[in-house]
Amino acid sequence: SRLIQRHRQLSRFIMHGLSLSIDESDDDEELSGDSGWIPWFCGLKGHELFAEVEEEYVRDNFNLYGLRGRFAFYDHALEMILSTEAPDEDDLADTEFLEIYRDATDLYGLIHARYIVSPRGLQVMREKYLKGTFGTCPRVLCDRQHVLPIGTAEDPRNAQVNIFCPKCEQVYSPKSKYKELDGAYFGTSFPQIFLQSFPSLVPLEFTRAFVPRVFGFRLHKQKSLITRKLEEEGVVPPQSSTRQGERPSTAKNDMAGSLSAPCEI
């Protein structure tokens, strides 16, 4: 049945996480009972995008408002999240454990989405962003611009996590190892709040548009979506001879230190 298949998938996932945690403990520290469920969960392969939510934040009922009614095993899931022990092999054979684990995963994800837009959470995510933990934009002309995780739905099990590029302001699919992460675990507003909180991290240079050419000659009256967007915003005059990627002198002061709202193109 579908339920049994789901249990098998969760079992393989948790078993892989346990083996990964044990391997990493050889270099860092021994896997002990006080490592906690949250560090274990965030340390699983493919969970690098997660921030470790502080225990005090999880214990504050104000931060959990509205979540209880969304989970069948809310109390048990919350207890698992706050547990000082990581799952072991005996847990993998327990059907009830797997059901609670599923709720615990979604519950932690929704708490995580709230935490990363809090003052402390933003600082944690800032460190990850500066290190390039979230990856870089797949668009070649964005010159490996660091990206941010974003969801397209607020409710779990609707869409996977995506990545948002602050330079071209486009959303892309992440690397394959992140495709199992739910977008609701990061929320739909995180990149915007992040960039408003840290305006110095907003890219100041304009996005370079791809210029289609045939044998070195630019195609007549053909414009990329990026070029059209820059013209609509008044950054580049229509049919301007300005080289792609250059900053018009009249726009330098307007862009410095400001964050424009993303526009649909």
C-alpha atoms as a PDB file:
ATOM      1  CA  SER A   1       0.000   0.000   0.000  1.00  0.00           C
ATOM      2  CA  ARG A   2       0.985   3.651  -0.285  1.00  0.00           C
ATOM      3  CA  LEU A   3       1.379   3.896   3.500  1.00  0.00           C
ATOM      4  CA  ILE A   4       3.823   0.975   3.600  1.00  0.00           C
ATOM      5  CA  GLN A   5       5.763   2.468   0.684  1.00  0.00           C
ATOM      6  CA  ARG A   6       5.948   5.796   2.538  1.00  0.00           C
ATOM      7  CA  HIS A   7       7.232   4.023   5.652  1.00  0.00           C
ATOM      8  CA  ARG A   8       9.942   2.292   3.651  1.00  0.00           C
ATOM      9  CA  GLN A   9      11.021   5.599   2.119  1.00  0.00           C
ATOM     10  CA  LEU A  10      11.223   7.223   5.543  1.00  0.00           C
ATOM     11  CA  SER A  11      13.172   4.253   6.894  1.00  0.00           C
ATOM     12  CA  ARG A  12      15.773   4.500   4.127  1.00  0.00           C
ATOM     13  CA  PHE A  13      15.984   8.269   4.644  1.00  0.00           C
ATOM     14  CA  ILE A  14      16.518   8.025   8.392  1.00  0.00           C
ATOM     15  CA  MET A  15      18.971   5.126   8.060  1.00  0.00           C
ATOM     16  CA  HIS A  16      21.026   7.187   5.614  1.00  0.00           C
ATOM     17  CA  GLY A  17      20.963  10.110   8.011  1.00  0.00           C
ATOM     18  CA  LEU A  18      22.147   7.974  10.897  1.00  0.00           C
ATOM     19  CA  SER A  19      25.062   6.567   8.912  1.00  0.00           C
ATOM     20  CA  LEU A  20      25.990  10.077   7.785  1.00  0.00           C
ATOM     21  CA  SER A  21      25.906  11.407  11.342  1.00  0.00           C
ATOM     22  CA  ILE A  22      28.090   8.552  12.591  1.00  0.00           C
ATOM     23  CA  ASP A  23      30.637   9.080   9.790  1.00  0.00           C
ATOM     24  CA  GLU A  24      30.850  12.809  10.476  1.00  0.00           C
ATOM     25  CA  SER A  25      31.266  12.236  14.207  1.00  0.00           C
ATOM     26  CA  ASP A  26      34.690  10.707  13.613  1.00  0.00           C
ATOM     27  CA  ASP A  27      36.044  14.085  12.514  1.00  0.00           C
ATOM     28  CA  ASP A  28      33.993  16.392  14.690  1.00  0.00           C
ATOM     29  CA  GLU A  29      32.709  14.850  17.869  1.00  0.00           C
ATOM     30  CA  GLU A  30      31.339  11.563  19.095  1.00  0.00           C
ATOM     31  CA  LEU A  31      27.653  10.936  18.485  1.00  0.00           C
ATOM     32  CA  SER A  32      26.200  11.182  21.959  1.00  0.00           C
ATOM     33  CA  GLY A  33      22.779  11.373  23.528  1.00  0.00           C
ATOM     34  CA  ASP A  34      23.045  15.106  24.119  1.00  0.00           C
ATOM     35  CA  SER A  35      23.569  15.933  20.432  1.00  0.00           C
ATOM     36  CA  GLY A  36      19.846  16.444  20.047  1.00  0.00           C
ATOM     37  CA  TRP A  37      17.322  15.826  17.304  1.00  0.00           C
ATOM     38  CA  ILE A  38      17.680  19.280  15.736  1.00  0.00           C
ATOM     39  CA  PRO A  39      21.469  19.094  15.104  1.00  0.00           C
ATOM     40  CA  TRP A  40      21.024  15.544  13.820  1.00  0.00           C
ATOM     41  CA  PHE A  41      18.200  16.540  11.471  1.00  0.00           C
ATOM     42  CA  CYS A  42      20.041  19.594  10.107  1.00  0.00           C
ATOM     43  CA  GLY A  43      23.188  17.507   9.644  1.00  0.00           C
ATOM     44  CA  LEU A  44      21.546  15.036   7.258  1.00  0.00           C
ATOM     45  CA  LYS A  45      22.741  15.008   3.671  1.00  0.00           C
ATOM     46  CA  GLY A  46      20.662  17.462   1.638  1.00  0.00           C
ATOM     47  CA  HIS A  47      19.670  19.483   4.714  1.00  0.00           C
ATOM     48  CA  GLU A  48      22.459  22.034   4.425  1.00  0.00           C
ATOM     49  CA  LEU A  49      19.898  24.758   3.665  1.00  0.00           C
ATOM     50  CA  PHE A  50      18.403  24.435   7.150  1.00  0.00           C
ATOM     51  CA  ALA A  51      19.372  26.620  10.071  1.00  0.00           C
ATOM     52  CA  GLU A  52      19.455  25.045  13.501  1.00  0.00           C
ATOM     53  CA  VAL A  53      16.490  26.578  15.307  1.00  0.00           C
ATOM     54  CA  GLU A  54      17.373  27.425  18.881  1.00  0.00           C
ATOM     55  CA  GLU A  55      15.634  25.343  21.522  1.00  0.00           C
ATOM     56  CA  GLU A  56      14.417  28.449  23.346  1.00  0.00           C
ATOM     57  CA  TYR A  57      12.663  29.578  20.172  1.00  0.00           C
ATOM     58  CA  VAL A  58      10.897  26.219  19.802  1.00  0.00           C
ATOM     59  CA  ARG A  59       9.782  26.232  23.446  1.00  0.00           C
ATOM     60  CA  ASP A  60       8.191  29.684  23.134  1.00  0.00           C
ATOM     61  CA  ASN A  61       4.470  29.107  22.546  1.00  0.00           C
ATOM     62  CA  PHE A  62       4.179  32.464  20.813  1.00  0.00           C
ATOM     63  CA  ASN A  63       6.342  31.139  17.975  1.00  0.00           C
ATOM     64  CA  LEU A  64       4.131  28.049  17.633  1.00  0.00           C
ATOM     65  CA  TYR A  65       0.822  29.884  17.358  1.00  0.00           C
ATOM     66  CA  GLY A  66      -1.597  28.225  14.937  1.00  0.00           C
ATOM     67  CA  LEU A  67       0.437  25.068  14.379  1.00  0.00           C
ATOM     68  CA  ARG A  68      -1.185  22.630  16.810  1.00  0.00           C
ATOM     69  CA  GLY A  69      -4.337  22.053  14.774  1.00  0.00           C
ATOM     70  CA  ARG A  70      -2.368  21.181  11.645  1.00  0.00           C
ATOM     71  CA  PHE A  71      -0.804  17.971  12.966  1.00  0.00           C
ATOM     72  CA  ALA A  72      -2.306  14.735  14.233  1.00  0.00           C
ATOM     73  CA  PHE A  73       0.707  13.995  16.450  1.00  0.00           C
ATOM     74  CA  TYR A  74       1.572  17.571  17.403  1.00  0.00           C
ATOM     75  CA  ASP A  75       2.604  16.935  21.030  1.00  0.00           C
ATOM     76  CA  HIS A  76       4.660  13.869  20.158  1.00  0.00           C
ATOM     77  CA  ALA A  77       6.240  15.631  17.179  1.00  0.00           C
ATOM     78  CA  LEU A  78       7.211  18.619  19.318  1.00  0.00           C
ATOM     79  CA  GLU A  79       8.648  16.284  21.943  1.00  0.00           C
ATOM     80  CA  MET A  80      10.712  14.568  19.257  1.00  0.00           C
ATOM     81  CA  ILE A  81      12.065  17.876  17.979  1.00  0.00           C
ATOM     82  CA  LEU A  82      13.143  18.880  21.485  1.00  0.00           C
ATOM     83  CA  SER A  83      14.578  15.445  22.218  1.00  0.00           C
ATOM     84  CA  THR A  84      18.203  15.230  23.295  1.00  0.00           C
ATOM     85  CA  GLU A  85      18.616  11.952  21.407  1.00  0.00           C
ATOM     86  CA  ALA A  86      18.831  11.173  17.703  1.00  0.00           C
ATOM     87  CA  PRO A  87      16.788   8.265  16.263  1.00  0.00           C
ATOM     88  CA  ASP A  88      18.387   4.831  16.440  1.00  0.00           C
ATOM     89  CA  GLU A  89      17.868   1.534  14.616  1.00  0.00           C
ATOM     90  CA  ASP A  90      15.121   0.404  16.981  1.00  0.00           C
ATOM     91  CA  ASP A  91      13.061   3.437  16.006  1.00  0.00           C
ATOM     92  CA  LEU A  92      13.222   2.440  12.352  1.00  0.00           C
ATOM     93  CA  ALA A  93      11.174  -0.681  13.013  1.00  0.00           C
ATOM     94  CA  ASP A  94       8.446   1.286  14.793  1.00  0.00           C
ATOM     95  CA  THR A  95       5.545   2.246  12.508  1.00  0.00           C
ATOM     96  CA  GLU A  96       4.210   4.784  14.996  1.00  0.00           C
ATOM     97  CA  PHE A  97       7.629   6.416  15.183  1.00  0.00           C
ATOM     98  CA  LEU A  98       7.658   6.948  11.420  1.00  0.00           C
ATOM     99  CA  GLU A  99       4.273   8.655  11.531  1.00  0.00           C
ATOM    100  CA  ILE A 100       5.433  10.958  14.319  1.00  0.00           C
ATOM    101  CA  TYR A 101       8.691  11.587  12.479  1.00  0.00           C
ATOM    102  CA  ARG A 102       6.758  12.761   9.426  1.00  0.00           C
ATOM    103  CA  ASP A 103       4.810  15.260  11.545  1.00  0.00           C
ATOM    104  CA  ALA A 104       8.017  16.301  13.323  1.00  0.00           C
ATOM    105  CA  THR A 105       9.666  17.035   9.967  1.00  0.00           C
ATOM    106  CA  ASP A 106       6.804  19.242   8.787  1.00  0.00           C
ATOM    107  CA  LEU A 107       6.429  20.898  12.195  1.00  0.00           C
ATOM    108  CA  TYR A 108      10.135  21.728  12.354  1.00  0.00           C
ATOM    109  CA  GLY A 109       9.962  23.031   8.804  1.00  0.00           C
ATOM    110  CA  LEU A 110       7.139  25.454   9.578  1.00  0.00           C
ATOM    111  CA  ILE A 111       8.882  26.599  12.763  1.00  0.00           C
ATOM    112  CA  HIS A 112      12.041  27.024  10.691  1.00  0.00           C
ATOM    113  CA  ALA A 113      10.208  29.261   8.193  1.00  0.00           C
ATOM    114  CA  ARG A 114       9.283  31.576  11.076  1.00  0.00           C
ATOM    115  CA  TYR A 115      12.690  31.421  12.726  1.00  0.00           C
ATOM    116  CA  ILE A 116      14.701  32.461   9.656  1.00  0.00           C
ATOM    117  CA  VAL A 117      12.836  35.781   9.420  1.00  0.00           C
ATOM    118  CA  SER A 118      13.465  36.555  13.100  1.00  0.00           C
ATOM    119  CA  PRO A 119      16.452  38.765  14.021  1.00  0.00           C
ATOM    120  CA  ARG A 120      18.547  35.818  15.231  1.00  0.00           C
ATOM    121  CA  GLY A 121      17.500  33.569  12.348  1.00  0.00           C
ATOM    122  CA  LEU A 122      18.376  36.220   9.782  1.00  0.00           C
ATOM    123  CA  GLN A 123      21.888  36.430  11.187  1.00  0.00           C
ATOM    124  CA  VAL A 124      22.299  32.654  10.950  1.00  0.00           C
ATOM    125  CA  MET A 125      21.087  32.649   7.351  1.00  0.00           C
ATOM    126  CA  ARG A 126      23.349  35.599   6.549  1.00  0.00           C
ATOM    127  CA  GLU A 127      26.390  33.545   7.496  1.00  0.00           C
ATOM    128  CA  LYS A 128      25.212  30.724   5.266  1.00  0.00           C
ATOM    129  CA  TYR A 129      24.570  33.142   2.396  1.00  0.00           C
ATOM    130  CA  LEU A 130      28.024  34.712   2.636  1.00  0.00           C
ATOM    131  CA  LYS A 131      29.620  31.253   2.614  1.00  0.00           C
ATOM    132  CA  GLY A 132      27.627  30.296  -0.479  1.00  0.00           C
ATOM    133  CA  THR A 133      25.889  27.441   1.328  1.00  0.00           C
ATOM    134  CA  PHE A 134      22.694  27.983  -0.662  1.00  0.00           C
ATOM    135  CA  GLY A 135      24.557  27.759  -3.967  1.00  0.00           C
ATOM    136  CA  THR A 136      24.967  30.128  -6.897  1.00  0.00           C
ATOM    137  CA  CYS A 137      22.702  31.281  -9.696  1.00  0.00           C
ATOM    138  CA  PRO A 138      22.682  28.849 -12.642  1.00  0.00           C
ATOM    139  CA  ARG A 139      22.426  31.785 -15.057  1.00  0.00           C
ATOM    140  CA  VAL A 140      25.883  32.249 -16.581  1.00  0.00           C
ATOM    141  CA  LEU A 141      25.624  36.046 -16.897  1.00  0.00           C
ATOM    142  CA  CYS A 142      24.923  36.409 -13.164  1.00  0.00           C
ATOM    143  CA  ASP A 143      28.592  35.500 -12.528  1.00  0.00           C
ATOM    144  CA  ARG A 144      27.956  32.923  -9.781  1.00  0.00           C
ATOM    145  CA  GLN A 145      25.808  35.255  -7.706  1.00  0.00           C
ATOM    146  CA  HIS A 146      24.916  33.707  -4.337  1.00  0.00           C
ATOM    147  CA  VAL A 147      21.257  32.688  -4.087  1.00  0.00           C
ATOM    148  CA  LEU A 148      18.640  32.321  -1.350  1.00  0.00           C
ATOM    149  CA  PRO A 149      16.101  29.535  -0.692  1.00  0.00           C
ATOM    150  CA  ILE A 150      12.455  30.341  -1.347  1.00  0.00           C
ATOM    151  CA  GLY A 151       9.143  28.514  -1.328  1.00  0.00           C
ATOM    152  CA  THR A 152       6.197  29.017  -3.650  1.00  0.00           C
ATOM    153  CA  ALA A 153       3.593  27.879  -1.096  1.00  0.00           C
ATOM    154  CA  GLU A 154       3.098  28.405   2.637  1.00  0.00           C
ATOM    155  CA  ASP A 155       1.591  24.960   3.261  1.00  0.00           C
ATOM    156  CA  PRO A 156       3.714  21.791   3.251  1.00  0.00           C
ATOM    157  CA  ARG A 157       3.547  19.161   0.497  1.00  0.00           C
ATOM    158  CA  ASN A 158       2.630  21.595  -2.258  1.00  0.00           C
ATOM    159  CA  ALA A 159       5.955  22.444  -3.888  1.00  0.00           C
ATOM    160  CA  GLN A 160       9.681  21.823  -3.446  1.00  0.00           C
ATOM    161  CA  VAL A 161      12.123  24.493  -2.360  1.00  0.00           C
ATOM    162  CA  ASN A 162      13.525  26.761  -5.078  1.00  0.00           C
ATOM    163  CA  ILE A 163      16.378  29.260  -5.170  1.00  0.00           C
ATOM    164  CA  PHE A 164      16.070  33.008  -5.750  1.00  0.00           C
ATOM    165  CA  CYS A 165      18.815  35.072  -7.368  1.00  0.00           C
ATOM    166  CA  PRO A 166      19.057  38.654  -6.013  1.00  0.00           C
ATOM    167  CA  LYS A 167      20.775  39.815  -9.214  1.00  0.00           C
ATOM    168  CA  CYS A 168      18.432  38.674 -11.977  1.00  0.00           C
ATOM    169  CA  GLU A 169      15.488  38.338  -9.539  1.00  0.00           C
ATOM    170  CA  GLN A 170      14.484  35.003 -11.002  1.00  0.00           C
ATOM    171  CA  VAL A 171      13.559  31.701  -9.324  1.00  0.00           C
ATOM    172  CA  TYR A 172      15.250  28.434 -10.312  1.00  0.00           C
ATOM    173  CA  SER A 173      15.161  24.769  -9.351  1.00  0.00           C
ATOM    174  CA  PRO A 174      17.895  23.831  -6.858  1.00  0.00           C
ATOM    175  CA  LYS A 175      20.473  21.076  -7.083  1.00  0.00           C
ATOM    176  CA  SER A 176      19.051  17.563  -7.122  1.00  0.00           C
ATOM    177  CA  LYS A 177      20.066  16.866  -3.515  1.00  0.00           C
ATOM    178  CA  TYR A 178      17.720  19.650  -2.340  1.00  0.00           C
ATOM    179  CA  LYS A 179      14.705  18.667  -4.423  1.00  0.00           C
ATOM    180  CA  GLU A 180      13.194  16.635  -1.588  1.00  0.00           C
ATOM    181  CA  LEU A 181      13.019  19.717   0.659  1.00  0.00           C
ATOM    182  CA  ASP A 182       9.615  21.336   0.977  1.00  0.00           C
ATOM    183  CA  GLY A 183       9.386  24.994  -0.029  1.00  0.00           C
ATOM    184  CA  ALA A 184       7.091  25.724   2.929  1.00  0.00           C
ATOM    185  CA  TYR A 185      10.061  25.117   5.233  1.00  0.00           C
ATOM    186  CA  PHE A 186      11.489  28.446   4.012  1.00  0.00           C
ATOM    187  CA  GLY A 187       8.360  30.424   3.184  1.00  0.00           C
ATOM    188  CA  THR A 188       7.529  32.694   0.274  1.00  0.00           C
ATOM    189  CA  SER A 189       8.878  35.916   1.818  1.00  0.00           C
ATOM    190  CA  PHE A 190      12.319  34.997   3.108  1.00  0.00           C
ATOM    191  CA  PRO A 191      14.504  36.463   0.289  1.00  0.00           C
ATOM    192  CA  GLN A 192      12.645  39.783   0.343  1.00  0.00           C
ATOM    193  CA  ILE A 193      12.874  40.136   4.126  1.00  0.00           C
ATOM    194  CA  PHE A 194      16.519  39.038   4.056  1.00  0.00           C
ATOM    195  CA  LEU A 195      17.549  41.635   1.455  1.00  0.00           C
ATOM    196  CA  GLN A 196      15.590  44.390   3.184  1.00  0.00           C
ATOM    197  CA  SER A 197      17.309  43.505   6.459  1.00  0.00           C
ATOM    198  CA  PHE A 198      20.775  43.509   4.841  1.00  0.00           C
ATOM    199  CA  PRO A 199      20.668  46.145   2.061  1.00  0.00           C
ATOM    200  CA  SER A 200      24.455  46.015   1.701  1.00  0.00           C
ATOM    201  CA  LEU A 201      24.054  42.508   0.266  1.00  0.00           C
ATOM    202  CA  VAL A 202      21.809  43.692  -2.568  1.00  0.00           C
ATOM    203  CA  PRO A 203      23.790  43.477  -5.847  1.00  0.00           C
ATOM    204  CA  LEU A 204      24.399  47.000  -7.142  1.00  0.00           C
ATOM    205  CA  GLU A 205      25.491  46.098 -10.644  1.00  0.00           C
ATOM    206  CA  PHE A 206      22.821  45.629 -13.285  1.00  0.00           C
ATOM    207  CA  THR A 207      22.015  42.235 -14.666  1.00  0.00           C
ATOM    208  CA  ARG A 208      23.803  41.592 -17.939  1.00  0.00           C
ATOM    209  CA  ALA A 209      21.423  40.578 -20.693  1.00  0.00           C
ATOM    210  CA  PHE A 210      22.320  37.978 -23.277  1.00  0.00           C
ATOM    211  CA  VAL A 211      22.738  39.553 -26.734  1.00  0.00           C
ATOM    212  CA  PRO A 212      21.736  37.174 -29.543  1.00  0.00           C
ATOM    213  CA  ARG A 213      24.123  37.380 -32.510  1.00  0.00           C
ATOM    214  CA  VAL A 214      24.612  35.626 -35.823  1.00  0.00           C
ATOM    215  CA  PHE A 215      28.243  35.488 -36.995  1.00  0.00           C
ATOM    216  CA  GLY A 216      29.006  38.366 -34.645  1.00  0.00           C
ATOM    217  CA  PHE A 217      26.159  40.604 -35.837  1.00  0.00           C
ATOM    218  CA  ARG A 218      23.455  41.607 -33.375  1.00  0.00           C
ATOM    219  CA  LEU A 219      19.970  40.567 -34.457  1.00  0.00           C
ATOM    220  CA  HIS A 220      17.776  43.493 -35.399  1.00  0.00           C
ATOM    221  CA  LYS A 221      14.876  44.300 -33.026  1.00  0.00           C
ATOM    222  CA  GLN A 222      15.415  41.195 -30.912  1.00  0.00           C
ATOM    223  CA  LYS A 223      15.616  41.780 -27.174  1.00  0.00           C
ATOM    224  CA  SER A 224      16.010  39.434 -24.264  1.00  0.00           C
ATOM    225  CA  LEU A 225      13.609  39.452 -21.330  1.00  0.00           C
ATOM    226  CA  ILE A 226      16.276  41.095 -19.195  1.00  0.00           C
ATOM    227  CA  THR A 227      16.710  43.919 -21.715  1.00  0.00           C
ATOM    228  CA  ARG A 228      12.965  44.509 -21.855  1.00  0.00           C
ATOM    229  CA  LYS A 229      12.831  44.614 -18.080  1.00  0.00           C
ATOM    230  CA  LEU A 230      15.627  47.204 -17.875  1.00  0.00           C
ATOM    231  CA  GLU A 231      13.884  49.338 -20.500  1.00  0.00           C
ATOM    232  CA  GLU A 232      10.525  49.123 -18.683  1.00  0.00           C
ATOM    233  CA  GLU A 233      12.197  50.269 -15.468  1.00  0.00           C
ATOM    234  CA  GLY A 234      13.821  53.160 -17.294  1.00  0.00           C
ATOM    235  CA  VAL A 235      17.317  51.927 -16.524  1.00  0.00           C
ATOM    236  CA  VAL A 236      18.241  51.583 -20.188  1.00  0.00           C
ATOM    237  CA  PRO A 237      16.598  53.775 -22.861  1.00  0.00           C
ATOM    238  CA  PRO A 238      14.777  51.861 -25.608  1.00  0.00           C
ATOM    239  CA  GLN A 239      17.109  50.794 -28.408  1.00  0.00           C
ATOM    240  CA  SER A 240      20.023  52.195 -26.433  1.00  0.00           C
ATOM    241  CA  SER A 241      23.539  51.672 -27.743  1.00  0.00           C
ATOM    242  CA  THR A 242      24.804  51.193 -24.191  1.00  0.00           C
ATOM    243  CA  ARG A 243      26.799  47.997 -23.901  1.00  0.00           C
ATOM    244  CA  GLN A 244      25.057  45.184 -22.111  1.00  0.00           C
ATOM    245  CA  GLY A 245      26.035  44.994 -18.460  1.00  0.00           C
ATOM    246  CA  GLU A 246      27.307  48.595 -18.234  1.00  0.00           C
ATOM    247  CA  ARG A 247      25.798  50.950 -15.708  1.00  0.00           C
ATOM    248  CA  PRO A 248      24.376  54.134 -17.281  1.00  0.00           C
ATOM    249  CA  SER A 249      25.830  57.072 -15.381  1.00  0.00           C
ATOM    250  CA  THR A 250      22.380  58.546 -14.725  1.00  0.00           C
ATOM    251  CA  ALA A 251      21.304  55.477 -12.790  1.00  0.00           C
ATOM    252  CA  LYS A 252      24.274  55.058 -10.459  1.00  0.00           C
ATOM    253  CA  ASN A 253      22.919  57.155  -7.624  1.00  0.00           C
ATOM    254  CA  ASP A 254      19.433  55.731  -7.950  1.00  0.00           C
ATOM    255  CA  MET A 255      20.549  52.148  -7.473  1.00  0.00           C
ATOM    256  CA  ALA A 256      23.111  52.627  -4.710  1.00  0.00           C
ATOM    257  CA  GLY A 257      21.850  51.372  -1.391  1.00  0.00           C
ATOM    258  CA  SER A 258      18.260  50.791  -2.548  1.00  0.00           C
ATOM    259  CA  LEU A 259      16.232  47.655  -3.045  1.00  0.00           C
ATOM    260  CA  SER A 260      13.695  47.719  -5.841  1.00  0.00           C
ATOM    261  CA  ALA A 261      10.693  45.422  -5.661  1.00  0.00           C
ATOM    262  CA  PRO A 262      10.945  42.378  -7.933  1.00  0.00           C
ATOM    263  CA  CYS A 263       9.054  42.920 -11.174  1.00  0.00           C
ATOM    264  CA  GLU A 264       7.450  40.279 -13.329  1.00  0.00           C
ATOM    265  CA  ILE A 265       8.870  40.000 -16.798  1.00  0.00           C
END
